């Protein structure tokens, strides 16, 4: 019986394959870094929206002290009285 030649098992990938692997991993790492940066920006913007909303509520309270329970159009500043239950009186 003839002995079959066995192939030597490679111990490393070639340089081209290694370069390709590194490019994939680098692409994933860069994208994850960018996502993290976007998440930080998102969190900052969410906090800014909350702060502006709080300021708006405070300002609406000041306007309520001056004009009473009314709705103010942000288009032209028109004031309409509010009905009981917080709806706008559309008759006026």
PDB file of N, CA and C in Angstrom:
ATOM      1  N   UNK A   1       0.849  -1.151   0.000  1.00  0.00           N
ATOM      2  CA  UNK A   1       0.000   0.000   0.000  1.00  0.00           C
ATOM      3  C   UNK A   1       0.906   1.229   0.000  1.00  0.00           C
ATOM      4  N   UNK A   2       0.561   2.186  -0.843  1.00  0.00           N
ATOM      5  CA  UNK A   2       1.370   3.400  -0.933  1.00  0.00           C
ATOM      6  C   UNK A   2       0.952   4.368   0.157  1.00  0.00           C
ATOM      7  N   UNK A   3       1.946   5.039   0.690  1.00  0.00           N
ATOM      8  CA  UNK A   3       1.653   6.044   1.712  1.00  0.00           C
ATOM      9  C   UNK A   3       1.131   7.300   1.026  1.00  0.00           C
ATOM     10  N   UNK A   4       0.077   7.878   1.593  1.00  0.00           N
ATOM     11  CA  UNK A   4      -0.439   9.123   1.027  1.00  0.00           C
ATOM     12  C   UNK A   4       0.311  10.291   1.640  1.00  0.00           C
ATOM     13  N   UNK A   5       0.557  11.250   0.795  1.00  0.00           N
ATOM     14  CA  UNK A   5       1.253  12.440   1.274  1.00  0.00           C
ATOM     15  C   UNK A   5       0.246  13.312   2.026  1.00  0.00           C
ATOM     16  N   UNK A   6       0.594  13.711   3.227  1.00  0.00           N
ATOM     17  CA  UNK A   6      -0.299  14.595   3.975  1.00  0.00           C
ATOM     18  C   UNK A   6       0.194  16.024   3.818  1.00  0.00           C
ATOM     19  N   UNK A   7      -0.769  16.921   3.677  1.00  0.00           N
ATOM     20  CA  UNK A   7      -0.456  18.337   3.538  1.00  0.00           C
ATOM     21  C   UNK A   7      -0.107  18.908   4.889  1.00  0.00           C
ATOM     22  N   UNK A   8       0.840  19.779   4.928  1.00  0.00           N
ATOM     23  CA  UNK A   8       1.187  20.447   6.181  1.00  0.00           C
ATOM     24  C   UNK A   8       0.071  21.432   6.524  1.00  0.00           C
ATOM     25  N   UNK A   9      -0.320  21.452   7.770  1.00  0.00           N
ATOM     26  CA  UNK A   9      -1.365  22.370   8.222  1.00  0.00           C
ATOM     27  C   UNK A   9      -0.768  23.756   8.403  1.00  0.00           C
ATOM     28  N   UNK A  10      -1.358  24.766   7.733  1.00  0.00           N
ATOM     29  CA  UNK A  10      -0.823  26.121   7.867  1.00  0.00           C
ATOM     30  C   UNK A  10      -0.947  26.615   9.310  1.00  0.00           C
ATOM     31  N   UNK A  11      -0.002  27.409   9.723  1.00  0.00           N
ATOM     32  CA  UNK A  11      -0.037  27.974  11.072  1.00  0.00           C
ATOM     33  C   UNK A  11      -0.415  29.445  11.065  1.00  0.00           C
ATOM     34  N   UNK A  12      -0.462  30.051   9.882  1.00  0.00           N
ATOM     35  CA  UNK A  12      -0.823  31.463   9.764  1.00  0.00           C
ATOM     36  C   UNK A  12      -1.573  31.685   8.456  1.00  0.00           C
ATOM     37  N   UNK A  13      -2.374  32.732   8.432  1.00  0.00           N
ATOM     38  CA  UNK A  13      -2.982  33.140   7.173  1.00  0.00           C
ATOM     39  C   UNK A  13      -1.949  33.964   6.414  1.00  0.00           C
ATOM     40  N   UNK A  14      -2.161  34.122   5.127  1.00  0.00           N
ATOM     41  CA  UNK A  14      -1.194  34.925   4.363  1.00  0.00           C
ATOM     42  C   UNK A  14      -1.440  36.419   4.594  1.00  0.00           C
ATOM     43  N   UNK A  15      -0.524  37.256   4.149  1.00  0.00           N
ATOM     44  CA  UNK A  15      -0.587  38.707   4.411  1.00  0.00           C
ATOM     45  C   UNK A  15      -1.845  39.347   3.835  1.00  0.00           C
ATOM     46  N   UNK A  16      -2.234  38.927   2.652  1.00  0.00           N
ATOM     47  CA  UNK A  16      -3.447  39.483   2.034  1.00  0.00           C
ATOM     48  C   UNK A  16      -4.681  39.163   2.873  1.00  0.00           C
ATOM     49  N   UNK A  17      -4.784  37.945   3.356  1.00  0.00           N
ATOM     50  CA  UNK A  17      -5.907  37.545   4.197  1.00  0.00           C
ATOM     51  C   UNK A  17      -5.885  38.294   5.526  1.00  0.00           C
ATOM     52  N   UNK A  18      -4.695  38.449   6.093  1.00  0.00           N
ATOM     53  CA  UNK A  18      -4.560  39.179   7.356  1.00  0.00           C
ATOM     54  C   UNK A  18      -4.967  40.638   7.185  1.00  0.00           C
ATOM     55  N   UNK A  19      -4.561  41.231   6.071  1.00  0.00           N
ATOM     56  CA  UNK A  19      -4.940  42.620   5.780  1.00  0.00           C
ATOM     57  C   UNK A  19      -6.451  42.747   5.659  1.00  0.00           C
ATOM     58  N   UNK A  20      -7.071  41.806   4.978  1.00  0.00           N
ATOM     59  CA  UNK A  20      -8.534  41.831   4.829  1.00  0.00           C
ATOM     60  C   UNK A  20      -9.218  41.703   6.183  1.00  0.00           C
ATOM     61  N   UNK A  21      -8.771  40.778   7.008  1.00  0.00           N
ATOM     62  CA  UNK A  21      -9.347  40.616   8.348  1.00  0.00           C
ATOM     63  C   UNK A  21      -9.225  41.896   9.155  1.00  0.00           C
ATOM     64  N   UNK A  22      -8.053  42.503   9.105  1.00  0.00           N
ATOM     65  CA  UNK A  22      -7.824  43.750   9.858  1.00  0.00           C
ATOM     66  C   UNK A  22      -8.739  44.864   9.367  1.00  0.00           C
ATOM     67  N   UNK A  23      -8.944  44.936   8.058  1.00  0.00           N
ATOM     68  CA  UNK A  23      -9.830  45.971   7.516  1.00  0.00           C
ATOM     69  C   UNK A  23     -11.257  45.793   8.007  1.00  0.00           C
ATOM     70  N   UNK A  24     -11.723  44.551   8.039  1.00  0.00           N
ATOM     71  CA  UNK A  24     -13.077  44.306   8.545  1.00  0.00           C
ATOM     72  C   UNK A  24     -13.189  44.705  10.017  1.00  0.00           C
ATOM     73  N   UNK A  25     -12.234  44.267  10.823  1.00  0.00           N
ATOM     74  CA  UNK A  25     -12.264  44.570  12.262  1.00  0.00           C
ATOM     75  C   UNK A  25     -12.129  46.074  12.492  1.00  0.00           C
ATOM     76  N   UNK A  26     -11.243  46.741  11.749  1.00  0.00           N
ATOM     77  CA  UNK A  26     -11.090  48.193  11.875  1.00  0.00           C
ATOM     78  C   UNK A  26     -12.381  48.912  11.492  1.00  0.00           C
ATOM     79  N   UNK A  27     -13.039  48.426  10.432  1.00  0.00           N
ATOM     80  CA  UNK A  27     -14.307  49.033  10.016  1.00  0.00           C
ATOM     81  C   UNK A  27     -15.366  48.915  11.102  1.00  0.00           C
ATOM     82  N   UNK A  28     -15.445  47.747  11.719  1.00  0.00           N
ATOM     83  CA  UNK A  28     -16.400  47.545  12.814  1.00  0.00           C
ATOM     84  C   UNK A  28     -16.054  48.451  13.990  1.00  0.00           C
ATOM     85  N   UNK A  29     -14.783  48.508  14.360  1.00  0.00           N
ATOM     86  CA  UNK A  29     -14.364  49.338  15.496  1.00  0.00           C
ATOM     87  C   UNK A  29     -14.654  50.815  15.249  1.00  0.00           C
ATOM     88  N   UNK A  30     -14.354  51.302  14.050  1.00  0.00           N
ATOM     89  CA  UNK A  30     -14.613  52.706  13.727  1.00  0.00           C
ATOM     90  C   UNK A  30     -16.106  53.011  13.774  1.00  0.00           C
ATOM     91  N   UNK A  31     -16.904  52.111  13.235  1.00  0.00           N
ATOM     92  CA  UNK A  31     -18.351  52.320  13.232  1.00  0.00           C
ATOM     93  C   UNK A  31     -18.905  52.311  14.655  1.00  0.00           C
ATOM     94  N   UNK A  32     -18.423  51.405  15.493  1.00  0.00           N
ATOM     95  CA  UNK A  32     -18.866  51.379  16.885  1.00  0.00           C
ATOM     96  C   UNK A  32     -18.460  52.658  17.613  1.00  0.00           C
ATOM     97  N   UNK A  33     -17.279  53.176  17.318  1.00  0.00           N
ATOM     98  CA  UNK A  33     -16.831  54.430  17.915  1.00  0.00           C
ATOM     99  C   UNK A  33     -17.734  55.585  17.494  1.00  0.00           C
ATOM    100  N   UNK A  34     -18.078  55.612  16.216  1.00  0.00           N
ATOM    101  CA  UNK A  34     -18.970  56.661  15.718  1.00  0.00           C
ATOM    102  C   UNK A  34     -20.356  56.555  16.345  1.00  0.00           C
ATOM    103  N   UNK A  35     -20.856  55.337  16.509  1.00  0.00           N
ATOM    104  CA  UNK A  35     -22.162  55.139  17.152  1.00  0.00           C
ATOM    105  C   UNK A  35     -22.116  55.647  18.581  1.00  0.00           C
ATOM    106  N   UNK A  36     -21.037  55.363  19.292  1.00  0.00           N
ATOM    107  CA  UNK A  36     -20.888  55.856  20.661  1.00  0.00           C
ATOM    108  C   UNK A  36     -20.899  57.371  20.707  1.00  0.00           C
ATOM    109  N   UNK A  37     -20.197  57.987  19.781  1.00  0.00           N
ATOM    110  CA  UNK A  37     -20.172  59.448  19.713  1.00  0.00           C
ATOM    111  C   UNK A  37     -21.569  60.010  19.431  1.00  0.00           C
ATOM    112  N   UNK A  38     -22.287  59.362  18.532  1.00  0.00           N
ATOM    113  CA  UNK A  38     -23.656  59.794  18.227  1.00  0.00           C
ATOM    114  C   UNK A  38     -24.578  59.630  19.429  1.00  0.00           C
ATOM    115  N   UNK A  39     -24.377  58.561  20.187  1.00  0.00           N
ATOM    116  CA  UNK A  39     -25.200  58.343  21.387  1.00  0.00           C
ATOM    117  C   UNK A  39     -24.954  59.453  22.414  1.00  0.00           C
ATOM    118  N   UNK A  40     -23.702  59.881  22.546  1.00  0.00           N
ATOM    119  CA  UNK A  40     -23.388  60.985  23.466  1.00  0.00           C
ATOM    120  C   UNK A  40     -24.077  62.256  22.978  1.00  0.00           C
ATOM    121  N   UNK A  41     -23.971  62.535  21.680  1.00  0.00           N
ATOM    122  CA  UNK A  41     -24.632  63.718  21.121  1.00  0.00           C
ATOM    123  C   UNK A  41     -26.140  63.641  21.337  1.00  0.00           C
ATOM    124  N   UNK A  42     -26.707  62.464  21.122  1.00  0.00           N
ATOM    125  CA  UNK A  42     -28.146  62.271  21.322  1.00  0.00           C
ATOM    126  C   UNK A  42     -28.534  62.583  22.762  1.00  0.00           C
ATOM    127  N   UNK A  43     -27.765  62.055  23.706  1.00  0.00           N
ATOM    128  CA  UNK A  43     -28.063  62.281  25.126  1.00  0.00           C
ATOM    129  C   UNK A  43     -27.998  63.770  25.454  1.00  0.00           C
ATOM    130  N   UNK A  44     -27.013  64.472  24.899  1.00  0.00           N
ATOM    131  CA  UNK A  44     -26.899  65.913  25.144  1.00  0.00           C
ATOM    132  C   UNK A  44     -28.091  66.663  24.564  1.00  0.00           C
ATOM    133  N   UNK A  45     -28.517  66.268  23.378  1.00  0.00           N
ATOM    134  CA  UNK A  45     -29.665  66.926  22.751  1.00  0.00           C
ATOM    135  C   UNK A  45     -30.964  66.622  23.500  1.00  0.00           C
ATOM    136  N   UNK A  46     -31.115  65.411  23.990  1.00  0.00           N
ATOM    137  CA  UNK A  46     -32.305  65.063  24.774  1.00  0.00           C
ATOM    138  C   UNK A  46     -32.361  65.923  26.034  1.00  0.00           C
ATOM    139  N   UNK A  47     -31.225  66.094  26.693  1.00  0.00           N
ATOM    140  CA  UNK A  47     -31.180  66.948  27.889  1.00  0.00           C
ATOM    141  C   UNK A  47     -31.497  68.398  27.538  1.00  0.00           C
ATOM    142  N   UNK A  48     -31.016  68.858  26.385  1.00  0.00           N
ATOM    143  CA  UNK A  48     -31.297  70.229  25.962  1.00  0.00           C
ATOM    144  C   UNK A  48     -32.797  70.413  25.716  1.00  0.00           C
ATOM    145  N   UNK A  49     -33.422  69.435  25.070  1.00  0.00           N
ATOM    146  CA  UNK A  49     -34.871  69.511  24.827  1.00  0.00           C
ATOM    147  C   UNK A  49     -35.614  69.581  26.161  1.00  0.00           C
ATOM    148  N   UNK A  50     -35.215  68.755  27.126  1.00  0.00           N
ATOM    149  CA  UNK A  50     -35.864  68.774  28.443  1.00  0.00           C
ATOM    150  C   UNK A  50     -35.713  70.130  29.105  1.00  0.00           C
ATOM    151  N   UNK A  51     -34.531  70.721  28.992  1.00  0.00           N
ATOM    152  CA  UNK A  51     -34.279  72.030  29.589  1.00  0.00           C
ATOM    153  C   UNK A  51     -35.143  73.106  28.930  1.00  0.00           C
ATOM    154  N   UNK A  52     -35.233  73.060  27.599  1.00  0.00           N
ATOM    155  CA  UNK A  52     -36.060  74.036  26.881  1.00  0.00           C
ATOM    156  C   UNK A  52     -37.532  73.847  27.230  1.00  0.00           C
ATOM    157  N   UNK A  53     -37.979  72.593  27.348  1.00  0.00           N
ATOM    158  CA  UNK A  53     -39.369  72.330  27.722  1.00  0.00           C
ATOM    159  C   UNK A  53     -39.666  72.882  29.114  1.00  0.00           C
ATOM    160  N   UNK A  54     -38.722  72.719  30.035  1.00  0.00           N
ATOM    161  CA  UNK A  54     -38.899  73.243  31.388  1.00  0.00           C
ATOM    162  C   UNK A  54     -39.005  74.768  31.349  1.00  0.00           C
ATOM    163  N   UNK A  55     -38.134  75.400  30.558  1.00  0.00           N
ATOM    164  CA  UNK A  55     -38.175  76.860  30.426  1.00  0.00           C
ATOM    165  C   UNK A  55     -39.493  77.317  29.809  1.00  0.00           C
ATOM    166  N   UNK A  56     -39.987  76.568  28.831  1.00  0.00           N
ATOM    167  CA  UNK A  56     -41.264  76.894  28.194  1.00  0.00           C
ATOM    168  C   UNK A  56     -42.403  76.840  29.210  1.00  0.00           C
ATOM    169  N   UNK A  57     -42.443  75.794  30.015  1.00  0.00           N
ATOM    170  CA  UNK A  57     -43.497  75.654  31.029  1.00  0.00           C
ATOM    171  C   UNK A  57     -43.442  76.825  32.011  1.00  0.00           C
ATOM    172  N   UNK A  58     -42.231  77.202  32.416  1.00  0.00           N
ATOM    173  CA  UNK A  58     -42.076  78.347  33.332  1.00  0.00           C
ATOM    174  C   UNK A  58     -42.570  79.630  32.672  1.00  0.00           C
ATOM    175  N   UNK A  59     -42.228  79.820  31.397  1.00  0.00           N
ATOM    176  CA  UNK A  59     -42.650  81.022  30.690  1.00  0.00           C
ATOM    177  C   UNK A  59     -44.160  81.037  30.481  1.00  0.00           C
ATOM    178  N   UNK A  60     -44.722  79.871  30.187  1.00  0.00           N
ATOM    179  CA  UNK A  60     -46.176  79.782  30.048  1.00  0.00           C
ATOM    180  C   UNK A  60     -46.856  80.153  31.364  1.00  0.00           C
ATOM    181  N   UNK A  61     -46.244  79.785  32.479  1.00  0.00           N
ATOM    182  CA  UNK A  61     -46.783  80.167  33.787  1.00  0.00           C
ATOM    183  C   UNK A  61     -46.789  81.675  33.967  1.00  0.00           C
ATOM    184  N   UNK A  62     -45.730  82.344  33.527  1.00  0.00           N
ATOM    185  CA  UNK A  62     -45.662  83.812  33.607  1.00  0.00           C
ATOM    186  C   UNK A  62     -46.742  84.449  32.734  1.00  0.00           C
ATOM    187  N   UNK A  63     -46.916  83.905  31.526  1.00  0.00           N
ATOM    188  CA  UNK A  63     -47.958  84.428  30.645  1.00  0.00           C
ATOM    189  C   UNK A  63     -49.339  84.199  31.241  1.00  0.00           C
ATOM    190  N   UNK A  64     -49.533  83.081  31.906  1.00  0.00           N
ATOM    191  CA  UNK A  64     -50.821  82.782  32.533  1.00  0.00           C
ATOM    192  C   UNK A  64     -51.113  83.788  33.641  1.00  0.00           C
ATOM    193  N   UNK A  65     -50.086  84.193  34.375  1.00  0.00           N
ATOM    194  CA  UNK A  65     -50.279  85.204  35.423  1.00  0.00           C
ATOM    195  C   UNK A  65     -50.735  86.530  34.819  1.00  0.00           C
ATOM    196  N   UNK A  66     -50.242  86.839  33.631  1.00  0.00           N
ATOM    197  CA  UNK A  66     -50.582  88.108  32.975  1.00  0.00           C
ATOM    198  C   UNK A  66     -51.930  88.037  32.266  1.00  0.00           C
ATOM    199  N   UNK A  67     -52.167  86.974  31.480  1.00  0.00           N
ATOM    200  CA  UNK A  67     -53.332  86.898  30.605  1.00  0.00           C
ATOM    201  C   UNK A  67     -54.413  85.941  31.076  1.00  0.00           C
ATOM    202  N   UNK A  68     -54.146  85.181  32.104  1.00  0.00           N
ATOM    203  CA  UNK A  68     -55.114  84.195  32.559  1.00  0.00           C
ATOM    204  C   UNK A  68     -54.951  82.899  31.781  1.00  0.00           C
ATOM    205  N   UNK A  69     -55.970  82.051  31.867  1.00  0.00           N
ATOM    206  CA  UNK A  69     -55.928  80.736  31.226  1.00  0.00           C
ATOM    207  C   UNK A  69     -56.316  80.893  29.759  1.00  0.00           C
ATOM    208  N   UNK A  70     -55.320  81.126  28.907  1.00  0.00           N
ATOM    209  CA  UNK A  70     -55.554  81.360  27.488  1.00  0.00           C
ATOM    210  C   UNK A  70     -54.613  80.493  26.652  1.00  0.00           C
ATOM    211  N   UNK A  71     -54.910  80.458  25.360  1.00  0.00           N
ATOM    212  CA  UNK A  71     -54.029  79.820  24.390  1.00  0.00           C
ATOM    213  C   UNK A  71     -53.471  80.932  23.515  1.00  0.00           C
ATOM    214  N   UNK A  72     -52.150  80.898  23.289  1.00  0.00           N
ATOM    215  CA  UNK A  72     -51.509  81.920  22.469  1.00  0.00           C
ATOM    216  C   UNK A  72     -50.999  81.273  21.188  1.00  0.00           C
ATOM    217  N   UNK A  73     -51.406  81.862  20.050  1.00  0.00           N
ATOM    218  CA  UNK A  73     -50.924  81.375  18.761  1.00  0.00           C
ATOM    219  C   UNK A  73     -49.458  81.760  18.610  1.00  0.00           C
ATOM    220  N   UNK A  74     -48.613  80.781  18.292  1.00  0.00           N
ATOM    221  CA  UNK A  74     -47.207  81.111  18.069  1.00  0.00           C
ATOM    222  C   UNK A  74     -46.990  81.667  16.660  1.00  0.00           C
ATOM    223  N   UNK A  75     -48.044  81.678  15.832  1.00  0.00           N
ATOM    224  CA  UNK A  75     -47.959  82.254  14.490  1.00  0.00           C
ATOM    225  C   UNK A  75     -48.055  83.776  14.550  1.00  0.00           C
ATOM    226  N   UNK A  76     -49.108  84.284  15.208  1.00  0.00           N
ATOM    227  CA  UNK A  76     -49.326  85.736  15.203  1.00  0.00           C
ATOM    228  C   UNK A  76     -49.559  86.333  16.590  1.00  0.00           C
ATOM    229  N   UNK A  77     -49.489  85.526  17.628  1.00  0.00           N
ATOM    230  CA  UNK A  77     -49.653  86.043  18.997  1.00  0.00           C
ATOM    231  C   UNK A  77     -51.090  86.203  19.449  1.00  0.00           C
ATOM    232  N   UNK A  78     -52.041  85.741  18.643  1.00  0.00           N
ATOM    233  CA  UNK A  78     -53.453  85.843  18.982  1.00  0.00           C
ATOM    234  C   UNK A  78     -53.737  85.062  20.263  1.00  0.00           C
ATOM    235  N   UNK A  79     -54.535  85.686  21.139  1.00  0.00           N
ATOM    236  CA  UNK A  79     -54.913  85.071  22.413  1.00  0.00           C
ATOM    237  C   UNK A  79     -56.346  84.576  22.310  1.00  0.00           C
ATOM    238  N   UNK A  80     -56.570  83.315  22.695  1.00  0.00           N
ATOM    239  CA  UNK A  80     -57.927  82.755  22.742  1.00  0.00           C
ATOM    240  C   UNK A  80     -58.147  82.214  24.143  1.00  0.00           C
ATOM    241  N   UNK A  81     -59.317  82.495  24.722  1.00  0.00           N
ATOM    242  CA  UNK A  81     -59.597  81.975  26.059  1.00  0.00           C
ATOM    243  C   UNK A  81     -59.741  80.459  26.057  1.00  0.00           C
ATOM    244  N   UNK A  82     -59.360  79.837  27.166  1.00  0.00           N
ATOM    245  CA  UNK A  82     -59.502  78.384  27.332  1.00  0.00           C
ATOM    246  C   UNK A  82     -60.839  78.107  28.003  1.00  0.00           C
ATOM    247  N   UNK A  83     -61.495  77.020  27.583  1.00  0.00           N
ATOM    248  CA  UNK A  83     -62.727  76.587  28.224  1.00  0.00           C
ATOM    249  C   UNK A  83     -62.369  75.693  29.400  1.00  0.00           C
ATOM    250  N   UNK A  84     -63.366  75.386  30.212  1.00  0.00           N
ATOM    251  CA  UNK A  84     -63.139  74.419  31.279  1.00  0.00           C
ATOM    252  C   UNK A  84     -62.699  73.108  30.644  1.00  0.00           C
ATOM    253  N   UNK A  85     -61.729  72.447  31.230  1.00  0.00           N
ATOM    254  CA  UNK A  85     -61.203  71.203  30.676  1.00  0.00           C
ATOM    255  C   UNK A  85     -59.978  71.437  29.818  1.00  0.00           C
ATOM    256  N   UNK A  86     -59.566  72.684  29.634  1.00  0.00           N
ATOM    257  CA  UNK A  86     -58.331  72.981  28.939  1.00  0.00           C
ATOM    258  C   UNK A  86     -58.405  73.022  27.424  1.00  0.00           C
ATOM    259  N   UNK A  87     -59.645  73.098  26.855  1.00  0.00           N
ATOM    260  CA  UNK A  87     -59.748  73.201  25.401  1.00  0.00           C
ATOM    261  C   UNK A  87     -59.905  74.654  25.021  1.00  0.00           C
ATOM    262  N   UNK A  88     -59.533  74.983  23.784  1.00  0.00           N
ATOM    263  CA  UNK A  88     -59.613  76.367  23.299  1.00  0.00           C
ATOM    264  C   UNK A  88     -61.051  76.682  22.933  1.00  0.00           C
ATOM    265  N   UNK A  89     -61.520  77.853  23.357  1.00  0.00           N
ATOM    266  CA  UNK A  89     -62.850  78.333  22.983  1.00  0.00           C
ATOM    267  C   UNK A  89     -62.764  78.830  21.536  1.00  0.00           C
ATOM    268  N   UNK A  90     -63.280  78.053  20.602  1.00  0.00           N
ATOM    269  CA  UNK A  90     -63.144  78.388  19.178  1.00  0.00           C
ATOM    270  C   UNK A  90     -64.132  79.460  18.738  1.00  0.00           C
ATOM    271  N   UNK A  91     -65.050  79.848  19.602  1.00  0.00           N
ATOM    272  CA  UNK A  91     -66.020  80.885  19.251  1.00  0.00           C
ATOM    273  C   UNK A  91     -65.341  82.263  19.234  1.00  0.00           C
ATOM    274  N   UNK A  92     -64.327  82.427  20.053  1.00  0.00           N
ATOM    275  CA  UNK A  92     -63.663  83.745  20.149  1.00  0.00           C
ATOM    276  C   UNK A  92     -62.392  83.757  19.369  1.00  0.00           C
TER     277      UNK A  92
END
